[in-house]
Amino acid sequence: MPMWEIIIYLFALLSITFPSPTHSNKEGDALYALRRAVKDPENVLQSWDPTLVDPCTWFHVTCDSDNRVTRLDLGNAKLSGSLVPELGKLERLQYLELYMNSLEGRIPEELGTLKSLVSLDLFHNNLTGPIPLSLSKLSKLKFLRLNNNKLTGRIPRELTTLDNLKILNVSNNNLCSTIPISGSFSKFSEESFLNNPRLEGPELMGFVRYDTGNCN
């Protein structure tokens, strides 16, 4: 076999054996953007080294066999700061666990691009602003827990189209207007919505309009 054919064969073999780091770099950059946006007094993110190509070696990060990030476990990590839109670049993320911290600011609309997301747990933080409409695009979502924050505005009716949703908790916020009762929301009890003083109760189809009153 001519030398040039051997070189081409070896190059092709290496390309198969060592997958392109493009995705790892992009996802590492997204995670490091989160690290820059938060304060970490317990140094739980100490292993998040941006000089490493593969974020799958970082603590609290789980990846699949393709070295794509599938899980982020940072619950009760004493983090403060804000969420970042770059999290929307974690295309295969299934579990986003950031509960019981001191995170502030809005929930990024970009989380609605996480098509593989199964669980979004942001409860017991200090998050403000509305529940993003973009979350209604998360067709695989089973667990949505946003309770014990400072969220305002309406509960988006679009969320009722999440057919796989099994657990919903938006209690202990400052949400307003009426509670959607169609679609997947028909199976949730009032406990999912407790302690939102401005909620007017379930919407009565044909009697109470969904958008009544000033709600922001």
N, C-alpha and C. Protein backbone atom coordinates (compact mmCIF):
# COMPACT_ATOMS: atom_id res chain seq x y z
N MET A 1 0.85 -1.19 0.00
CA MET A 1 0.00 0.00 0.00
C MET A 1 0.89 1.25 0.00
N PRO A 2 0.63 2.18 -0.92
CA PRO A 2 1.44 3.41 -0.96
C PRO A 2 1.33 4.19 0.35
N MET A 3 2.41 4.92 0.65
CA MET A 3 2.46 5.67 1.91
C MET A 3 1.32 6.66 2.05
N TRP A 4 0.94 7.31 0.95
CA TRP A 4 -0.12 8.31 1.05
C TRP A 4 -1.46 7.68 1.41
N GLU A 5 -1.68 6.43 0.93
CA GLU A 5 -2.92 5.74 1.29
C GLU A 5 -2.92 5.35 2.77
N ILE A 6 -1.75 4.98 3.28
CA ILE A 6 -1.63 4.65 4.70
C ILE A 6 -1.94 5.86 5.56
N ILE A 7 -1.43 7.02 5.15
CA ILE A 7 -1.65 8.26 5.90
C ILE A 7 -3.14 8.60 5.93
N ILE A 8 -3.81 8.50 4.78
CA ILE A 8 -5.24 8.79 4.71
C ILE A 8 -6.02 7.83 5.59
N TYR A 9 -5.63 6.53 5.53
CA TYR A 9 -6.32 5.52 6.34
C TYR A 9 -6.18 5.81 7.83
N LEU A 10 -4.96 6.17 8.25
CA LEU A 10 -4.73 6.47 9.66
C LEU A 10 -5.50 7.72 10.11
N PHE A 11 -5.55 8.70 9.22
CA PHE A 11 -6.28 9.93 9.55
C PHE A 11 -7.77 9.64 9.74
N ALA A 12 -8.32 8.82 8.84
CA ALA A 12 -9.73 8.45 8.95
C ALA A 12 -9.99 7.66 10.23
N LEU A 13 -9.06 6.77 10.58
CA LEU A 13 -9.21 5.97 11.79
C LEU A 13 -9.21 6.85 13.03
N LEU A 14 -8.30 7.82 13.06
CA LEU A 14 -8.23 8.73 14.19
C LEU A 14 -9.48 9.58 14.30
N SER A 15 -10.06 9.95 13.17
CA SER A 15 -11.28 10.77 13.18
C SER A 15 -12.43 10.01 13.80
N ILE A 16 -12.45 8.69 13.59
CA ILE A 16 -13.52 7.87 14.16
C ILE A 16 -13.27 7.64 15.65
N THR A 17 -12.01 7.39 16.00
CA THR A 17 -11.66 7.05 17.38
C THR A 17 -11.82 8.24 18.30
N PHE A 18 -11.45 9.41 17.83
CA PHE A 18 -11.50 10.62 18.66
C PHE A 18 -12.49 11.59 18.05
N PRO A 19 -13.69 11.65 18.58
CA PRO A 19 -14.71 12.54 18.03
C PRO A 19 -14.30 14.00 18.10
N SER A 20 -14.88 14.78 17.21
CA SER A 20 -14.56 16.20 17.15
C SER A 20 -14.88 16.88 18.47
N PRO A 21 -13.98 17.76 18.96
CA PRO A 21 -14.24 18.44 20.23
C PRO A 21 -15.15 19.64 20.11
N THR A 22 -15.71 19.86 18.91
CA THR A 22 -16.50 21.07 18.69
C THR A 22 -17.62 21.20 19.71
N HIS A 23 -18.41 20.13 19.87
CA HIS A 23 -19.52 20.18 20.81
C HIS A 23 -19.03 20.37 22.24
N SER A 24 -17.95 19.66 22.60
CA SER A 24 -17.42 19.78 23.96
C SER A 24 -16.99 21.20 24.26
N ASN A 25 -16.34 21.84 23.27
CA ASN A 25 -15.91 23.22 23.45
C ASN A 25 -17.10 24.15 23.66
N LYS A 26 -18.13 23.96 22.83
CA LYS A 26 -19.31 24.82 22.92
C LYS A 26 -20.02 24.64 24.26
N GLU A 27 -20.15 23.40 24.68
CA GLU A 27 -20.83 23.13 25.93
C GLU A 27 -19.98 23.54 27.13
N GLY A 28 -18.66 23.37 27.01
CA GLY A 28 -17.77 23.85 28.06
C GLY A 28 -17.86 25.35 28.22
N ASP A 29 -17.93 26.06 27.10
CA ASP A 29 -18.06 27.52 27.14
C ASP A 29 -19.38 27.93 27.80
N ALA A 30 -20.45 27.17 27.50
CA ALA A 30 -21.75 27.49 28.09
C ALA A 30 -21.73 27.29 29.60
N LEU A 31 -21.14 26.20 30.06
CA LEU A 31 -21.06 25.94 31.49
C LEU A 31 -20.15 26.95 32.18
N TYR A 32 -19.07 27.31 31.51
CA TYR A 32 -18.16 28.27 32.14
C TYR A 32 -18.81 29.66 32.23
N ALA A 33 -19.71 29.96 31.29
CA ALA A 33 -20.47 31.22 31.39
C ALA A 33 -21.31 31.23 32.67
N LEU A 34 -21.86 30.07 33.02
CA LEU A 34 -22.60 29.97 34.28
C LEU A 34 -21.67 30.17 35.47
N ARG A 35 -20.50 29.56 35.40
CA ARG A 35 -19.56 29.71 36.51
C ARG A 35 -19.18 31.18 36.73
N ARG A 36 -19.00 31.92 35.64
CA ARG A 36 -18.63 33.33 35.75
C ARG A 36 -19.77 34.17 36.32
N ALA A 37 -21.01 33.69 36.14
CA ALA A 37 -22.18 34.48 36.54
C ALA A 37 -22.61 34.23 37.98
N VAL A 38 -21.98 33.27 38.64
CA VAL A 38 -22.39 32.95 40.00
C VAL A 38 -21.23 33.10 40.98
N LYS A 39 -21.59 33.29 42.24
CA LYS A 39 -20.62 33.24 43.32
C LYS A 39 -20.67 31.84 43.93
N ASP A 40 -19.52 31.32 44.24
CA ASP A 40 -19.40 29.92 44.64
C ASP A 40 -18.56 29.80 45.92
N PRO A 41 -19.15 30.14 47.08
CA PRO A 41 -18.36 30.19 48.32
C PRO A 41 -17.84 28.83 48.77
N GLU A 42 -18.48 27.74 48.33
CA GLU A 42 -18.04 26.40 48.73
C GLU A 42 -17.08 25.77 47.70
N ASN A 43 -16.78 26.51 46.64
CA ASN A 43 -15.87 26.02 45.59
C ASN A 43 -16.33 24.71 44.96
N VAL A 44 -17.63 24.56 44.78
CA VAL A 44 -18.13 23.34 44.16
C VAL A 44 -17.82 23.32 42.65
N LEU A 45 -17.51 24.48 42.10
CA LEU A 45 -17.20 24.57 40.67
C LEU A 45 -15.70 24.68 40.41
N GLN A 46 -14.91 24.34 41.39
CA GLN A 46 -13.46 24.49 41.27
C GLN A 46 -12.87 23.68 40.12
N SER A 47 -13.50 22.54 39.82
CA SER A 47 -12.98 21.68 38.75
C SER A 47 -13.36 22.16 37.36
N TRP A 48 -14.19 23.21 37.27
CA TRP A 48 -14.64 23.69 35.97
C TRP A 48 -13.54 24.55 35.34
N ASP A 49 -12.60 23.88 34.72
CA ASP A 49 -11.41 24.50 34.15
C ASP A 49 -11.64 24.76 32.67
N PRO A 50 -11.69 26.02 32.23
CA PRO A 50 -11.96 26.31 30.83
C PRO A 50 -10.84 25.89 29.88
N THR A 51 -9.68 25.56 30.42
CA THR A 51 -8.57 25.13 29.55
C THR A 51 -8.73 23.66 29.15
N LEU A 52 -9.64 22.93 29.80
CA LEU A 52 -9.88 21.54 29.44
C LEU A 52 -10.94 21.49 28.34
N VAL A 53 -10.65 20.76 27.28
CA VAL A 53 -11.55 20.70 26.14
C VAL A 53 -12.88 20.05 26.51
N ASP A 54 -12.83 19.05 27.39
CA ASP A 54 -13.99 18.22 27.67
C ASP A 54 -14.59 18.52 29.04
N PRO A 55 -15.77 19.15 29.11
CA PRO A 55 -16.40 19.45 30.40
C PRO A 55 -16.90 18.20 31.12
N CYS A 56 -16.86 17.04 30.46
CA CYS A 56 -17.33 15.81 31.08
C CYS A 56 -16.43 15.37 32.23
N THR A 57 -15.27 15.97 32.37
CA THR A 57 -14.38 15.66 33.49
C THR A 57 -14.67 16.54 34.70
N TRP A 58 -15.59 17.50 34.56
CA TRP A 58 -15.89 18.42 35.64
C TRP A 58 -16.87 17.79 36.63
N PHE A 59 -16.72 18.12 37.90
CA PHE A 59 -17.65 17.63 38.90
C PHE A 59 -19.04 18.22 38.68
N HIS A 60 -20.07 17.45 39.02
CA HIS A 60 -21.48 17.85 38.94
C HIS A 60 -22.00 17.90 37.51
N VAL A 61 -21.20 17.40 36.54
CA VAL A 61 -21.59 17.35 35.14
C VAL A 61 -21.59 15.89 34.69
N THR A 62 -22.69 15.45 34.07
CA THR A 62 -22.79 14.10 33.54
C THR A 62 -22.94 14.16 32.03
N CYS A 63 -22.25 13.24 31.34
CA CYS A 63 -22.29 13.22 29.87
C CYS A 63 -22.71 11.85 29.36
N ASP A 64 -23.10 11.82 28.09
CA ASP A 64 -23.43 10.54 27.46
C ASP A 64 -22.19 9.97 26.76
N SER A 65 -22.38 8.90 26.01
CA SER A 65 -21.25 8.22 25.37
C SER A 65 -20.61 9.06 24.27
N ASP A 66 -21.30 10.10 23.83
CA ASP A 66 -20.75 11.01 22.82
C ASP A 66 -20.09 12.23 23.44
N ASN A 67 -19.91 12.19 24.77
CA ASN A 67 -19.33 13.33 25.49
C ASN A 67 -20.16 14.60 25.35
N ARG A 68 -21.47 14.43 25.36
CA ARG A 68 -22.39 15.56 25.36
C ARG A 68 -23.03 15.64 26.74
N VAL A 69 -23.16 16.85 27.24
CA VAL A 69 -23.68 17.06 28.59
C VAL A 69 -25.16 16.70 28.66
N THR A 70 -25.51 15.82 29.61
CA THR A 70 -26.89 15.40 29.77
C THR A 70 -27.47 15.78 31.13
N ARG A 71 -26.62 16.12 32.07
CA ARG A 71 -27.13 16.39 33.42
C ARG A 71 -26.22 17.40 34.12
N LEU A 72 -26.86 18.34 34.83
CA LEU A 72 -26.15 19.33 35.63
C LEU A 72 -26.76 19.31 37.02
N ASP A 73 -25.98 18.83 37.99
CA ASP A 73 -26.45 18.65 39.37
C ASP A 73 -25.78 19.65 40.30
N LEU A 74 -26.47 20.75 40.56
CA LEU A 74 -25.94 21.78 41.44
C LEU A 74 -26.99 22.22 42.46
N GLY A 75 -27.79 21.27 42.88
CA GLY A 75 -28.77 21.56 43.91
C GLY A 75 -28.11 21.76 45.26
N ASN A 76 -28.62 22.73 46.03
CA ASN A 76 -28.15 22.99 47.39
C ASN A 76 -26.62 23.19 47.44
N ALA A 77 -26.13 23.96 46.47
CA ALA A 77 -24.68 24.19 46.36
C ALA A 77 -24.26 25.56 46.88
N LYS A 78 -25.21 26.30 47.47
CA LYS A 78 -24.95 27.63 48.03
C LYS A 78 -24.46 28.63 46.99
N LEU A 79 -24.94 28.46 45.77
CA LEU A 79 -24.59 29.39 44.70
C LEU A 79 -25.49 30.62 44.75
N SER A 80 -24.93 31.76 44.38
CA SER A 80 -25.71 32.98 44.20
C SER A 80 -25.31 33.60 42.87
N GLY A 81 -26.12 34.51 42.38
CA GLY A 81 -25.86 35.08 41.06
C GLY A 81 -27.06 34.83 40.16
N SER A 82 -26.82 34.65 38.88
CA SER A 82 -27.93 34.53 37.94
C SER A 82 -27.70 33.39 36.95
N LEU A 83 -28.81 32.92 36.38
CA LEU A 83 -28.74 31.96 35.29
C LEU A 83 -28.29 32.68 34.02
N VAL A 84 -27.76 31.93 33.07
CA VAL A 84 -27.24 32.55 31.85
C VAL A 84 -27.93 31.94 30.62
N PRO A 85 -28.13 32.74 29.58
CA PRO A 85 -28.77 32.22 28.36
C PRO A 85 -27.96 31.14 27.67
N GLU A 86 -26.66 31.10 27.92
CA GLU A 86 -25.79 30.10 27.29
C GLU A 86 -26.20 28.66 27.65
N LEU A 87 -26.94 28.49 28.74
CA LEU A 87 -27.39 27.15 29.11
C LEU A 87 -28.24 26.53 28.00
N GLY A 88 -28.84 27.35 27.19
CA GLY A 88 -29.64 26.85 26.07
C GLY A 88 -28.82 26.15 25.00
N LYS A 89 -27.50 26.20 25.09
CA LYS A 89 -26.63 25.53 24.12
C LYS A 89 -26.34 24.08 24.48
N LEU A 90 -26.81 23.64 25.64
CA LEU A 90 -26.58 22.26 26.07
C LEU A 90 -27.67 21.38 25.44
N GLU A 91 -27.49 21.06 24.19
CA GLU A 91 -28.55 20.52 23.36
C GLU A 91 -29.11 19.17 23.83
N ARG A 92 -28.31 18.39 24.56
CA ARG A 92 -28.77 17.08 25.01
C ARG A 92 -29.04 17.04 26.51
N LEU A 93 -29.10 18.20 27.12
CA LEU A 93 -29.34 18.25 28.56
C LEU A 93 -30.71 17.68 28.90
N GLN A 94 -30.74 16.75 29.87
CA GLN A 94 -31.98 16.14 30.30
C GLN A 94 -32.40 16.60 31.70
N TYR A 95 -31.42 16.89 32.54
CA TYR A 95 -31.71 17.27 33.93
C TYR A 95 -30.95 18.55 34.27
N LEU A 96 -31.69 19.58 34.61
CA LEU A 96 -31.10 20.84 35.06
C LEU A 96 -31.53 21.05 36.50
N GLU A 97 -30.62 20.74 37.43
CA GLU A 97 -30.92 20.73 38.85
C GLU A 97 -30.15 21.86 39.55
N LEU A 98 -30.85 22.96 39.80
CA LEU A 98 -30.23 24.13 40.43
C LEU A 98 -31.07 24.61 41.61
N TYR A 99 -31.75 23.69 42.24
CA TYR A 99 -32.66 24.01 43.33
C TYR A 99 -31.90 24.36 44.62
N MET A 100 -32.58 25.06 45.51
CA MET A 100 -32.08 25.39 46.85
C MET A 100 -30.72 26.09 46.81
N ASN A 101 -30.68 27.15 46.02
CA ASN A 101 -29.53 28.05 46.00
C ASN A 101 -30.05 29.47 46.27
N SER A 102 -29.30 30.47 45.88
CA SER A 102 -29.72 31.86 46.06
C SER A 102 -29.64 32.60 44.73
N LEU A 103 -30.08 31.93 43.68
CA LEU A 103 -30.02 32.50 42.34
C LEU A 103 -31.09 33.58 42.17
N GLU A 104 -30.72 34.65 41.46
CA GLU A 104 -31.62 35.78 41.25
C GLU A 104 -31.81 36.03 39.77
N GLY A 105 -32.67 37.00 39.46
CA GLY A 105 -32.89 37.38 38.07
C GLY A 105 -33.91 36.48 37.39
N ARG A 106 -34.00 36.60 36.09
CA ARG A 106 -35.03 35.92 35.31
C ARG A 106 -34.60 34.52 34.88
N ILE A 107 -35.57 33.71 34.58
CA ILE A 107 -35.33 32.41 33.95
C ILE A 107 -35.11 32.68 32.47
N PRO A 108 -33.96 32.31 31.91
CA PRO A 108 -33.69 32.65 30.50
C PRO A 108 -34.66 31.98 29.54
N GLU A 109 -35.14 32.74 28.58
CA GLU A 109 -35.99 32.20 27.52
C GLU A 109 -35.29 31.06 26.79
N GLU A 110 -33.98 31.11 26.73
CA GLU A 110 -33.19 30.13 25.97
C GLU A 110 -33.33 28.71 26.51
N LEU A 111 -33.80 28.56 27.75
CA LEU A 111 -34.01 27.21 28.27
C LEU A 111 -35.07 26.47 27.46
N GLY A 112 -35.89 27.20 26.74
CA GLY A 112 -36.90 26.58 25.90
C GLY A 112 -36.34 25.87 24.69
N THR A 113 -35.04 25.99 24.43
CA THR A 113 -34.41 25.29 23.31
C THR A 113 -33.86 23.93 23.71
N LEU A 114 -33.98 23.58 24.99
CA LEU A 114 -33.42 22.31 25.48
C LEU A 114 -34.41 21.17 25.21
N LYS A 115 -34.44 20.71 23.98
CA LYS A 115 -35.46 19.77 23.51
C LYS A 115 -35.44 18.44 24.24
N SER A 116 -34.31 18.07 24.86
CA SER A 116 -34.20 16.78 25.54
C SER A 116 -34.54 16.87 27.02
N LEU A 117 -34.84 18.07 27.51
CA LEU A 117 -34.99 18.28 28.95
C LEU A 117 -36.18 17.49 29.51
N VAL A 118 -35.89 16.74 30.59
CA VAL A 118 -36.89 15.95 31.28
C VAL A 118 -37.26 16.61 32.62
N SER A 119 -36.27 17.23 33.26
CA SER A 119 -36.49 17.79 34.59
C SER A 119 -35.87 19.18 34.69
N LEU A 120 -36.68 20.15 35.11
CA LEU A 120 -36.22 21.52 35.35
C LEU A 120 -36.56 21.86 36.79
N ASP A 121 -35.56 21.84 37.65
CA ASP A 121 -35.74 22.07 39.08
C ASP A 121 -35.00 23.33 39.50
N LEU A 122 -35.77 24.41 39.68
CA LEU A 122 -35.21 25.70 40.07
C LEU A 122 -35.85 26.19 41.37
N PHE A 123 -36.45 25.29 42.11
CA PHE A 123 -37.20 25.69 43.31
C PHE A 123 -36.27 26.17 44.42
N HIS A 124 -36.85 26.97 45.32
CA HIS A 124 -36.13 27.54 46.46
C HIS A 124 -34.91 28.35 46.01
N ASN A 125 -35.17 29.37 45.20
CA ASN A 125 -34.19 30.38 44.84
C ASN A 125 -34.84 31.74 45.03
N ASN A 126 -34.30 32.76 44.39
CA ASN A 126 -34.88 34.10 44.44
C ASN A 126 -35.15 34.63 43.03
N LEU A 127 -35.57 33.73 42.16
CA LEU A 127 -35.79 34.09 40.77
C LEU A 127 -37.00 35.00 40.62
N THR A 128 -36.90 35.95 39.70
CA THR A 128 -37.96 36.95 39.48
C THR A 128 -38.40 36.93 38.02
N GLY A 129 -39.40 37.76 37.72
CA GLY A 129 -39.89 37.84 36.36
C GLY A 129 -40.88 36.74 36.04
N PRO A 130 -41.31 36.65 34.79
CA PRO A 130 -42.35 35.69 34.41
C PRO A 130 -41.80 34.29 34.15
N ILE A 131 -42.71 33.34 34.12
CA ILE A 131 -42.38 31.99 33.64
C ILE A 131 -42.29 32.08 32.11
N PRO A 132 -41.15 31.76 31.51
CA PRO A 132 -41.02 31.94 30.06
C PRO A 132 -41.99 31.08 29.25
N LEU A 133 -42.63 31.68 28.25
CA LEU A 133 -43.48 30.94 27.34
C LEU A 133 -42.70 29.86 26.61
N SER A 134 -41.42 30.09 26.43
CA SER A 134 -40.58 29.15 25.66
C SER A 134 -40.52 27.77 26.31
N LEU A 135 -40.82 27.68 27.61
CA LEU A 135 -40.80 26.37 28.26
C LEU A 135 -41.87 25.44 27.69
N SER A 136 -42.86 25.99 27.02
CA SER A 136 -43.90 25.16 26.42
C SER A 136 -43.38 24.35 25.23
N LYS A 137 -42.16 24.62 24.79
CA LYS A 137 -41.55 23.86 23.69
C LYS A 137 -40.84 22.60 24.17
N LEU A 138 -40.77 22.41 25.48
CA LEU A 138 -40.03 21.28 26.05
C LEU A 138 -40.94 20.06 26.10
N SER A 139 -41.13 19.42 24.97
CA SER A 139 -42.13 18.36 24.84
C SER A 139 -41.82 17.13 25.68
N LYS A 140 -40.57 16.93 26.08
CA LYS A 140 -40.20 15.76 26.89
C LYS A 140 -40.23 16.04 28.39
N LEU A 141 -40.55 17.26 28.77
CA LEU A 141 -40.48 17.66 30.18
C LEU A 141 -41.49 16.88 31.03
N LYS A 142 -40.99 16.30 32.12
CA LYS A 142 -41.83 15.56 33.06
C LYS A 142 -41.94 16.26 34.42
N PHE A 143 -40.90 16.99 34.80
CA PHE A 143 -40.86 17.61 36.13
C PHE A 143 -40.53 19.08 35.98
N LEU A 144 -41.44 19.93 36.42
CA LEU A 144 -41.23 21.38 36.37
C LEU A 144 -41.52 21.93 37.76
N ARG A 145 -40.45 22.25 38.49
CA ARG A 145 -40.59 22.73 39.86
C ARG A 145 -39.93 24.10 39.98
N LEU A 146 -40.80 25.11 40.09
CA LEU A 146 -40.35 26.51 40.17
C LEU A 146 -40.83 27.16 41.46
N ASN A 147 -41.26 26.35 42.40
CA ASN A 147 -41.83 26.87 43.64
C ASN A 147 -40.81 27.59 44.51
N ASN A 148 -41.34 28.42 45.41
CA ASN A 148 -40.52 29.17 46.36
C ASN A 148 -39.48 30.04 45.68
N ASN A 149 -39.97 30.87 44.77
CA ASN A 149 -39.19 31.92 44.16
C ASN A 149 -39.98 33.23 44.28
N LYS A 150 -39.72 34.17 43.40
CA LYS A 150 -40.43 35.45 43.41
C LYS A 150 -40.97 35.73 42.01
N LEU A 151 -41.45 34.69 41.36
CA LEU A 151 -41.93 34.81 39.99
C LEU A 151 -43.24 35.58 39.94
N THR A 152 -43.43 36.35 38.88
CA THR A 152 -44.63 37.16 38.70
C THR A 152 -45.26 36.89 37.33
N GLY A 153 -46.40 37.52 37.09
CA GLY A 153 -47.07 37.35 35.80
C GLY A 153 -47.99 36.15 35.79
N ARG A 154 -48.53 35.85 34.60
CA ARG A 154 -49.46 34.75 34.45
C ARG A 154 -48.74 33.41 34.34
N ILE A 155 -49.48 32.36 34.64
CA ILE A 155 -49.01 31.01 34.32
C ILE A 155 -49.32 30.79 32.84
N PRO A 156 -48.32 30.64 31.99
CA PRO A 156 -48.60 30.54 30.54
C PRO A 156 -49.52 29.37 30.21
N ARG A 157 -50.62 29.68 29.56
CA ARG A 157 -51.55 28.62 29.16
C ARG A 157 -50.87 27.63 28.22
N GLU A 158 -49.87 28.08 27.49
CA GLU A 158 -49.16 27.21 26.55
C GLU A 158 -48.53 25.99 27.24
N LEU A 159 -48.27 26.10 28.55
CA LEU A 159 -47.68 24.97 29.27
C LEU A 159 -48.63 23.78 29.35
N THR A 160 -49.91 24.00 29.15
CA THR A 160 -50.87 22.89 29.22
C THR A 160 -50.69 21.91 28.07
N THR A 161 -49.90 22.28 27.06
CA THR A 161 -49.66 21.38 25.93
C THR A 161 -48.52 20.39 26.21
N LEU A 162 -47.90 20.49 27.38
CA LEU A 162 -46.81 19.56 27.73
C LEU A 162 -47.42 18.23 28.20
N ASP A 163 -47.65 17.34 27.26
CA ASP A 163 -48.38 16.11 27.55
C ASP A 163 -47.64 15.17 28.49
N ASN A 164 -46.32 15.26 28.55
CA ASN A 164 -45.54 14.35 29.40
C ASN A 164 -45.34 14.87 30.82
N LEU A 165 -45.86 16.07 31.10
CA LEU A 165 -45.64 16.68 32.40
C LEU A 165 -46.36 15.89 33.50
N LYS A 166 -45.59 15.41 34.47
CA LYS A 166 -46.13 14.61 35.56
C LYS A 166 -46.19 15.38 36.88
N ILE A 167 -45.21 16.25 37.10
CA ILE A 167 -45.16 17.02 38.34
C ILE A 167 -44.97 18.49 38.00
N LEU A 168 -45.84 19.32 38.56
CA LEU A 168 -45.75 20.77 38.39
C LEU A 168 -45.89 21.41 39.77
N ASN A 169 -44.99 22.34 40.07
CA ASN A 169 -45.10 23.08 41.33
C ASN A 169 -44.65 24.50 41.09
N VAL A 170 -45.59 25.43 41.16
CA VAL A 170 -45.28 26.86 41.05
C VAL A 170 -45.77 27.60 42.30
N SER A 171 -45.94 26.86 43.39
CA SER A 171 -46.43 27.46 44.63
C SER A 171 -45.42 28.42 45.23
N ASN A 172 -45.90 29.28 46.13
CA ASN A 172 -45.04 30.22 46.86
C ASN A 172 -44.26 31.14 45.93
N ASN A 173 -45.02 31.78 45.04
CA ASN A 173 -44.49 32.83 44.18
C ASN A 173 -45.44 34.02 44.26
N ASN A 174 -45.42 34.88 43.25
CA ASN A 174 -46.35 36.01 43.21
C ASN A 174 -47.05 36.05 41.85
N LEU A 175 -47.47 34.87 41.40
CA LEU A 175 -48.15 34.76 40.11
C LEU A 175 -49.56 35.32 40.21
N CYS A 176 -50.14 35.67 39.07
CA CYS A 176 -51.45 36.33 39.08
C CYS A 176 -52.34 35.80 37.97
N SER A 177 -53.55 36.33 37.90
CA SER A 177 -54.60 35.94 36.98
C SER A 177 -55.15 34.56 37.36
N THR A 178 -55.64 33.80 36.41
CA THR A 178 -56.29 32.52 36.72
C THR A 178 -55.38 31.34 36.40
N ILE A 179 -55.78 30.17 36.89
CA ILE A 179 -54.99 28.95 36.71
C ILE A 179 -55.54 28.18 35.52
N PRO A 180 -54.72 27.91 34.50
CA PRO A 180 -55.18 27.09 33.38
C PRO A 180 -55.58 25.69 33.86
N ILE A 181 -56.61 25.13 33.27
CA ILE A 181 -57.08 23.82 33.73
C ILE A 181 -57.19 22.80 32.59
N SER A 182 -56.80 23.18 31.40
CA SER A 182 -56.92 22.26 30.27
C SER A 182 -55.65 21.43 30.11
N GLY A 183 -55.70 20.48 29.20
CA GLY A 183 -54.53 19.68 28.87
C GLY A 183 -53.92 18.99 30.07
N SER A 184 -52.60 19.01 30.15
CA SER A 184 -51.89 18.33 31.24
C SER A 184 -52.19 18.95 32.59
N PHE A 185 -52.65 20.20 32.64
CA PHE A 185 -52.93 20.86 33.91
C PHE A 185 -54.19 20.30 34.59
N SER A 186 -54.98 19.56 33.85
CA SER A 186 -56.22 19.03 34.42
C SER A 186 -55.96 18.03 35.54
N LYS A 187 -54.77 17.48 35.61
CA LYS A 187 -54.47 16.46 36.63
C LYS A 187 -53.75 17.02 37.85
N PHE A 188 -53.46 18.32 37.87
CA PHE A 188 -52.73 18.90 38.99
C PHE A 188 -53.69 19.48 40.02
N SER A 189 -53.41 19.23 41.30
CA SER A 189 -54.26 19.73 42.37
C SER A 189 -53.88 21.16 42.73
N GLU A 190 -54.67 21.75 43.61
CA GLU A 190 -54.41 23.13 44.03
C GLU A 190 -53.08 23.27 44.75
N GLU A 191 -52.52 22.18 45.25
CA GLU A 191 -51.23 22.25 45.94
C GLU A 191 -50.12 22.73 45.02
N SER A 192 -50.27 22.51 43.73
CA SER A 192 -49.26 22.97 42.76
C SER A 192 -49.21 24.48 42.65
N PHE A 193 -50.26 25.17 43.16
CA PHE A 193 -50.39 26.61 42.93
C PHE A 193 -50.54 27.41 44.22
N LEU A 194 -50.41 26.77 45.37
CA LEU A 194 -50.67 27.43 46.65
C LEU A 194 -49.78 28.65 46.89
N ASN A 195 -50.28 29.56 47.72
CA ASN A 195 -49.51 30.71 48.21
C ASN A 195 -49.01 31.60 47.08
N ASN A 196 -49.89 31.85 46.14
CA ASN A 196 -49.72 32.92 45.15
C ASN A 196 -50.90 33.87 45.39
N PRO A 197 -50.73 34.88 46.23
CA PRO A 197 -51.87 35.70 46.68
C PRO A 197 -52.68 36.33 45.56
N ARG A 198 -52.07 36.55 44.41
CA ARG A 198 -52.78 37.23 43.32
C ARG A 198 -53.45 36.27 42.34
N LEU A 199 -53.28 34.96 42.54
CA LEU A 199 -53.99 34.01 41.70
C LEU A 199 -55.47 34.01 42.05
N GLU A 200 -56.31 34.03 41.03
CA GLU A 200 -57.76 34.13 41.24
C GLU A 200 -58.44 32.76 41.28
N GLY A 201 -57.69 31.71 41.21
CA GLY A 201 -58.28 30.37 41.18
C GLY A 201 -58.35 29.85 39.75
N PRO A 202 -58.90 28.63 39.59
CA PRO A 202 -59.00 28.03 38.25
C PRO A 202 -59.85 28.86 37.32
N GLU A 203 -59.44 28.92 36.04
CA GLU A 203 -60.25 29.63 35.07
C GLU A 203 -61.53 28.83 34.82
N LEU A 204 -62.63 29.52 34.67
CA LEU A 204 -63.92 28.89 34.40
C LEU A 204 -64.23 29.12 32.93
N MET A 205 -64.05 28.08 32.17
CA MET A 205 -64.21 28.20 30.73
C MET A 205 -65.62 28.69 30.40
N GLY A 206 -65.69 29.76 29.64
CA GLY A 206 -66.97 30.31 29.23
C GLY A 206 -67.51 31.36 30.18
N PHE A 207 -66.88 31.51 31.35
CA PHE A 207 -67.36 32.48 32.33
C PHE A 207 -66.29 33.52 32.68
N VAL A 208 -65.07 33.06 32.94
CA VAL A 208 -64.00 33.97 33.32
C VAL A 208 -62.93 33.95 32.26
N ARG A 209 -62.61 35.10 31.73
CA ARG A 209 -61.57 35.17 30.71
C ARG A 209 -60.21 34.93 31.34
N TYR A 210 -59.34 34.31 30.56
CA TYR A 210 -58.00 33.99 31.05
C TYR A 210 -57.19 35.24 31.33
N ASP A 211 -57.41 36.30 30.57
CA ASP A 211 -56.57 37.49 30.65
C ASP A 211 -57.24 38.63 31.38
N THR A 212 -58.10 38.34 32.34
CA THR A 212 -58.79 39.42 33.05
C THR A 212 -57.84 40.17 33.96
N GLY A 213 -58.10 41.47 34.11
CA GLY A 213 -57.37 42.25 35.10
C GLY A 213 -55.94 42.60 34.68
N ASN A 214 -55.34 43.43 35.52
CA ASN A 214 -53.95 43.84 35.32
C ASN A 214 -53.04 42.84 36.01
N CYS A 215 -52.23 42.15 35.24
CA CYS A 215 -51.39 41.09 35.80
C CYS A 215 -50.01 41.21 35.18
N ASN A 216 -49.02 41.51 36.01
CA ASN A 216 -47.66 41.59 35.50
C ASN A 216 -46.69 41.20 36.59
